[in-house]
Amino acid sequence: MEWEVAKLKQYEYENKIKELGINLERLDIVIGRKTNVPFSKGCYYDGGQWNLYDVDERQNFVVTQRGSEEEIFRWLYMITLGLAKARK
C-alpha cells in the first residue's frame, strides 16, 4: 500500500478506497457528516473548512484537525490505510 500520498480531493479519496476494496463502514469511518458512534472517525465540511474528528468510547466528539479538503482527505487516507492494515 502507498503510505506517502499527495493531497487528495474527496472524490480522489473515495476512488482510491474503492480501488483498494476497503469498507469504510467496517472501519467506522464517516464522510461528510458528524456521528457519535463510539470509536469512529470522520470528516465534515463546516464554516468554510473541513474538519477531521474522532469519537471516543464515551461518545465524546473531538475535532483533531482543520484544513482544506486536500489536507483533510490526505490525513483521512493515511488513517484509513492504517486501520485497514491493522484489522486484516
C-alpha atoms as a PDB file:
ATOM      1  CA  MET A   1       0.000   0.000   0.000  1.00  0.00           C
ATOM      2  CA  GLU A   2       1.058   3.532  -0.677  1.00  0.00           C
ATOM      3  CA  TRP A   3       1.768   5.457   2.544  1.00  0.00           C
ATOM      4  CA  GLU A   4       3.044   8.713   1.099  1.00  0.00           C
ATOM      5  CA  VAL A   5       0.299  10.391  -0.847  1.00  0.00           C
ATOM      6  CA  ALA A   6      -0.210  13.825  -2.302  1.00  0.00           C
ATOM      7  CA  LYS A   7      -3.092  15.966  -1.157  1.00  0.00           C
ATOM      8  CA  LEU A   8      -6.446  14.474  -2.170  1.00  0.00           C
ATOM      9  CA  LYS A   9      -9.882  15.783  -3.024  1.00  0.00           C
ATOM     10  CA  GLN A  10     -12.878  13.862  -1.649  1.00  0.00           C
ATOM     11  CA  TYR A  11     -13.626  12.113  -4.945  1.00  0.00           C
ATOM     12  CA  GLU A  12      -9.952  11.042  -5.258  1.00  0.00           C
ATOM     13  CA  TYR A  13     -10.007   9.613  -1.732  1.00  0.00           C
ATOM     14  CA  GLU A  14     -13.230   7.731  -2.438  1.00  0.00           C
ATOM     15  CA  ASN A  15     -11.840   6.341  -5.719  1.00  0.00           C
ATOM     16  CA  LYS A  16      -8.634   5.122  -4.036  1.00  0.00           C
ATOM     17  CA  ILE A  17     -10.586   3.474  -1.218  1.00  0.00           C
ATOM     18  CA  LYS A  18     -12.876   1.773  -3.729  1.00  0.00           C
ATOM     19  CA  GLU A  19      -9.888   0.546  -5.785  1.00  0.00           C
ATOM     20  CA  LEU A  20      -8.358  -0.959  -2.641  1.00  0.00           C
ATOM     21  CA  GLY A  21     -11.639  -2.634  -1.695  1.00  0.00           C
ATOM     22  CA  ILE A  22     -11.738  -1.005   1.744  1.00  0.00           C
ATOM     23  CA  ASN A  23     -15.100  -0.980   3.518  1.00  0.00           C
ATOM     24  CA  LEU A  24     -15.375   2.330   5.393  1.00  0.00           C
ATOM     25  CA  GLU A  25     -18.348   1.125   7.440  1.00  0.00           C
ATOM     26  CA  ARG A  26     -16.300  -1.777   8.827  1.00  0.00           C
ATOM     27  CA  LEU A  27     -13.627   0.717   9.867  1.00  0.00           C
ATOM     28  CA  ASP A  28     -16.202   3.109  11.390  1.00  0.00           C
ATOM     29  CA  ILE A  29     -15.173   5.952   9.088  1.00  0.00           C
ATOM     30  CA  VAL A  30     -17.821   8.525   8.186  1.00  0.00           C
ATOM     31  CA  ILE A  31     -17.524  11.059   5.362  1.00  0.00           C
ATOM     32  CA  GLY A  32     -19.424  14.333   5.118  1.00  0.00           C
ATOM     33  CA  ARG A  33     -21.276  14.301   8.421  1.00  0.00           C
ATOM     34  CA  LYS A  34     -20.852  14.073  12.183  1.00  0.00           C
ATOM     35  CA  THR A  35     -21.583  10.924  14.132  1.00  0.00           C
ATOM     36  CA  ASN A  36     -21.473   9.906  17.787  1.00  0.00           C
ATOM     37  CA  VAL A  37     -20.745   6.204  17.231  1.00  0.00           C
ATOM     38  CA  PRO A  38     -18.012   5.153  19.698  1.00  0.00           C
ATOM     39  CA  PHE A  39     -14.529   4.600  18.221  1.00  0.00           C
ATOM     40  CA  SER A  40     -15.434   6.203  14.893  1.00  0.00           C
ATOM     41  CA  LYS A  41     -13.539   8.740  12.816  1.00  0.00           C
ATOM     42  CA  GLY A  42     -14.647  11.006  10.051  1.00  0.00           C
ATOM     43  CA  CYS A  43     -14.709  14.390   8.412  1.00  0.00           C
ATOM     44  CA  TYR A  44     -17.255  17.020   7.507  1.00  0.00           C
ATOM     45  CA  TYR A  45     -17.350  20.474   5.952  1.00  0.00           C
ATOM     46  CA  ASP A  46     -18.474  23.399   8.104  1.00  0.00           C
ATOM     47  CA  GLY A  47     -17.791  27.107   8.276  1.00  0.00           C
ATOM     48  CA  GLY A  48     -15.650  27.196   5.142  1.00  0.00           C
ATOM     49  CA  GLN A  49     -13.274  24.425   6.179  1.00  0.00           C
ATOM     50  CA  TRP A  50     -13.026  20.678   6.547  1.00  0.00           C
ATOM     51  CA  ASN A  51     -12.855  19.100   9.988  1.00  0.00           C
ATOM     52  CA  LEU A  52     -11.364  15.713  10.857  1.00  0.00           C
ATOM     53  CA  TYR A  53     -12.705  14.163  14.052  1.00  0.00           C
ATOM     54  CA  ASP A  54     -12.621  11.194  16.427  1.00  0.00           C
ATOM     55  CA  VAL A  55     -15.308   9.844  18.718  1.00  0.00           C
ATOM     56  CA  ASP A  56     -14.122   8.055  21.855  1.00  0.00           C
ATOM     57  CA  GLU A  57     -15.708   5.205  23.823  1.00  0.00           C
ATOM     58  CA  ARG A  58     -17.886   7.660  25.775  1.00  0.00           C
ATOM     59  CA  GLN A  59     -19.151   9.299  22.599  1.00  0.00           C
ATOM     60  CA  ASN A  60     -17.035  12.418  23.122  1.00  0.00           C
ATOM     61  CA  PHE A  61     -16.671  14.165  19.765  1.00  0.00           C
ATOM     62  CA  VAL A  62     -13.262  15.812  19.207  1.00  0.00           C
ATOM     63  CA  VAL A  63     -12.104  17.717  16.130  1.00  0.00           C
ATOM     64  CA  THR A  64      -8.468  16.702  15.662  1.00  0.00           C
ATOM     65  CA  GLN A  65      -7.586  18.664  12.534  1.00  0.00           C
ATOM     66  CA  ARG A  66      -8.980  21.525  10.469  1.00  0.00           C
ATOM     67  CA  GLY A  67      -7.935  22.449   6.977  1.00  0.00           C
ATOM     68  CA  SER A  68      -8.592  22.361   3.273  1.00  0.00           C
ATOM     69  CA  GLU A  69     -10.331  19.482   1.555  1.00  0.00           C
ATOM     70  CA  GLU A  70      -6.998  18.240   0.209  1.00  0.00           C
ATOM     71  CA  GLU A  71      -5.276  18.302   3.609  1.00  0.00           C
ATOM     72  CA  ILE A  72      -8.096  16.565   5.468  1.00  0.00           C
ATOM     73  CA  PHE A  73      -8.556  13.806   2.905  1.00  0.00           C
ATOM     74  CA  ARG A  74      -4.785  13.193   2.858  1.00  0.00           C
ATOM     75  CA  TRP A  75      -4.880  12.676   6.638  1.00  0.00           C
ATOM     76  CA  LEU A  76      -8.004  10.532   6.377  1.00  0.00           C
ATOM     77  CA  TYR A  77      -6.402   8.406   3.655  1.00  0.00           C
ATOM     78  CA  MET A  78      -3.381   7.659   5.840  1.00  0.00           C
ATOM     79  CA  ILE A  79      -5.654   6.872   8.808  1.00  0.00           C
ATOM     80  CA  THR A  80      -7.816   4.631   6.635  1.00  0.00           C
ATOM     81  CA  LEU A  81      -4.824   2.657   5.367  1.00  0.00           C
ATOM     82  CA  GLY A  82      -3.523   2.232   8.905  1.00  0.00           C
ATOM     83  CA  LEU A  83      -6.860   0.965  10.196  1.00  0.00           C
ATOM     84  CA  ALA A  84      -7.329  -1.362   7.223  1.00  0.00           C
ATOM     85  CA  LYS A  85      -3.865  -2.855   7.722  1.00  0.00           C
ATOM     86  CA  ALA A  86      -4.386  -3.265  11.476  1.00  0.00           C
ATOM     87  CA  ARG A  87      -7.705  -5.081  11.019  1.00  0.00           C
ATOM     88  CA  LYS A  88      -6.503  -7.643   8.467  1.00  0.00           C
END
